[in-house]
Amino acid sequence: MELSKQILQENPHCKIIVYTGYEVEDYFEEAIRAGLHGAISKTESKEKITQYIYHVLNGEILVDFAYFKQLMTQQKTKPAPSSQKEQDVLTPRECLILQEVEKGFTNQEIADALHLSKRSIEYSLTSI
């Protein structure tokens, strides 16, 4: 992510997409805030990746519909702004992961329980 930020500072017209083995949801918000045009999973088909690149080259940012619905639901249930900085607040997923860690579960056990990949759990714990 840091390298992408540096590239965009020197070449602001570049269009960068994160190609990740993690869950796209883990990267999407951070990628957009950094000026990237999105994130796509390595598990996507060649056709979908090609379509995604085509849309980004045309100035669009694509969001998976299921993830978009999740974002909209979170936005509706988001509490009123407080004096606490946004980045200091844990996401619902991060809270769930921390609860499982507190119970003594391994990353793999947490991933299985939350239907996520082990790498997503590791990424979330790193960002916390």
Protein backbone atom coordinates (compact mmCIF):
# COMPACT_ATOMS: atom_id res chain seq x y z
CA MET A 1 0.00 0.00 0.00
CA GLU A 2 2.87 2.37 0.83
CA LEU A 3 4.53 1.76 -2.53
CA SER A 4 1.25 2.57 -4.27
CA LYS A 5 1.03 5.86 -2.37
CA GLN A 6 4.56 6.76 -3.47
CA ILE A 7 3.78 5.91 -7.08
CA LEU A 8 0.66 8.08 -6.98
CA GLN A 9 2.61 11.00 -5.48
CA GLU A 10 5.04 10.91 -8.39
CA ASN A 11 2.45 9.92 -11.03
CA PRO A 12 -0.99 11.13 -9.89
CA HIS A 13 -2.67 9.98 -13.10
CA CYS A 14 -1.78 6.30 -12.52
CA LYS A 15 -4.66 3.95 -11.87
CA ILE A 16 -3.66 1.27 -9.38
CA ILE A 17 -5.65 -1.80 -8.37
CA VAL A 18 -4.61 -3.99 -5.44
CA TYR A 19 -4.39 -7.63 -6.54
CA THR A 20 -4.63 -9.57 -3.30
CA GLY A 21 -4.86 -13.02 -1.81
CA TYR A 22 -6.73 -11.53 1.16
CA GLU A 23 -10.45 -10.84 1.31
CA VAL A 24 -11.13 -7.73 -0.80
CA GLU A 25 -13.16 -6.26 2.06
CA ASP A 26 -9.98 -6.09 4.13
CA TYR A 27 -8.29 -3.80 1.62
CA PHE A 28 -11.02 -1.86 -0.14
CA GLU A 29 -11.49 1.13 2.16
CA GLU A 30 -7.77 1.56 2.76
CA ALA A 31 -7.09 1.30 -0.97
CA ILE A 32 -9.68 3.95 -1.86
CA ARG A 33 -8.41 6.31 0.86
CA ALA A 34 -4.88 5.89 -0.52
CA GLY A 35 -6.07 6.94 -3.99
CA LEU A 36 -6.15 3.49 -5.54
CA HIS A 37 -9.00 2.46 -7.80
CA GLY A 38 -9.93 -0.68 -5.90
CA ALA A 39 -8.91 -4.16 -4.92
CA ILE A 40 -9.53 -7.49 -6.58
CA SER A 41 -9.01 -10.99 -5.25
CA LYS A 42 -6.60 -13.45 -6.80
CA THR A 43 -9.46 -15.95 -6.75
CA GLU A 44 -11.43 -14.01 -9.38
CA SER A 45 -11.70 -15.35 -12.93
CA LYS A 46 -9.55 -13.97 -15.73
CA GLU A 47 -12.67 -12.55 -17.34
CA LYS A 48 -13.71 -10.67 -14.21
CA ILE A 49 -10.19 -9.29 -13.70
CA THR A 50 -10.10 -8.14 -17.34
CA GLN A 51 -13.51 -6.46 -16.96
CA TYR A 52 -12.40 -4.80 -13.75
CA ILE A 53 -9.28 -3.37 -15.41
CA TYR A 54 -11.34 -2.14 -18.37
CA HIS A 55 -13.76 -0.30 -16.07
CA VAL A 56 -10.95 1.25 -14.02
CA LEU A 57 -9.27 2.49 -17.21
CA ASN A 58 -12.58 4.20 -18.01
CA GLY A 59 -12.51 6.07 -14.70
CA GLU A 60 -14.82 3.82 -12.70
CA ILE A 61 -14.39 2.23 -9.30
CA LEU A 62 -16.12 -1.12 -9.01
CA VAL A 63 -17.41 -2.56 -5.77
CA ASP A 64 -18.63 -6.13 -5.33
CA PHE A 65 -22.41 -5.94 -4.75
CA ALA A 66 -22.33 -8.04 -1.56
CA TYR A 67 -19.61 -5.80 -0.13
CA PHE A 68 -21.53 -2.68 -1.19
CA LYS A 69 -24.61 -3.94 0.66
CA GLN A 70 -22.45 -4.56 3.73
CA LEU A 71 -21.08 -1.00 3.54
CA MET A 72 -24.57 0.46 3.23
CA THR A 73 -25.81 -1.54 6.22
CA GLN A 74 -22.84 -0.38 8.30
CA GLN A 75 -23.47 3.22 7.24
CA LYS A 76 -27.12 3.05 8.34
CA THR A 77 -26.24 1.58 11.72
CA LYS A 78 -23.22 3.80 12.32
CA PRO A 79 -23.54 5.76 15.56
CA ALA A 80 -23.48 9.55 15.59
CA PRO A 81 -19.99 11.03 15.31
CA SER A 82 -18.11 11.38 18.55
CA SER A 83 -14.92 13.10 19.55
CA GLN A 84 -13.04 9.83 19.08
CA LYS A 85 -11.10 9.61 15.83
CA GLU A 86 -12.60 7.30 13.19
CA GLN A 87 -9.38 5.29 12.88
CA ASP A 88 -9.44 4.49 16.61
CA VAL A 89 -12.78 2.66 16.33
CA LEU A 90 -12.74 -1.07 15.61
CA THR A 91 -14.94 -2.47 12.88
CA PRO A 92 -17.56 -5.07 13.82
CA ARG A 93 -15.39 -7.75 12.19
CA GLU A 94 -12.34 -6.66 14.20
CA CYS A 95 -14.41 -6.81 17.40
CA LEU A 96 -15.52 -10.37 16.56
CA ILE A 97 -11.96 -11.41 15.83
CA LEU A 98 -10.69 -9.95 19.11
CA GLN A 99 -13.44 -11.75 21.03
CA GLU A 100 -12.31 -15.04 19.51
CA VAL A 101 -8.65 -14.27 20.28
CA GLU A 102 -9.66 -13.55 23.88
CA LYS A 103 -11.23 -17.03 24.03
CA GLY A 104 -7.86 -18.50 23.04
CA PHE A 105 -8.73 -19.64 19.51
CA THR A 106 -6.03 -19.93 16.84
CA ASN A 107 -6.15 -17.83 13.67
CA GLN A 108 -7.32 -20.88 11.70
CA GLU A 109 -10.10 -21.63 14.20
CA ILE A 110 -11.23 -18.00 14.05
CA ALA A 111 -11.16 -18.08 10.24
CA ASP A 112 -13.27 -21.24 10.19
CA ALA A 113 -15.78 -19.83 12.69
CA LEU A 114 -16.19 -16.53 10.81
CA HIS A 115 -16.06 -18.11 7.32
CA LEU A 116 -12.98 -16.11 6.35
CA SER A 117 -9.51 -17.04 5.20
CA LYS A 118 -6.69 -17.39 7.70
CA ARG A 119 -4.83 -14.63 5.86
CA SER A 120 -7.79 -12.26 6.37
CA ILE A 121 -7.66 -12.93 10.10
CA GLU A 122 -3.91 -12.29 10.12
CA TYR A 123 -4.37 -9.06 8.17
CA SER A 124 -7.11 -7.87 10.52
CA LEU A 125 -5.00 -8.61 13.59
CA THR A 126 -2.07 -6.76 12.06
CA SER A 127 -4.21 -3.70 11.33
CA ILE A 128 -5.62 -3.72 14.88
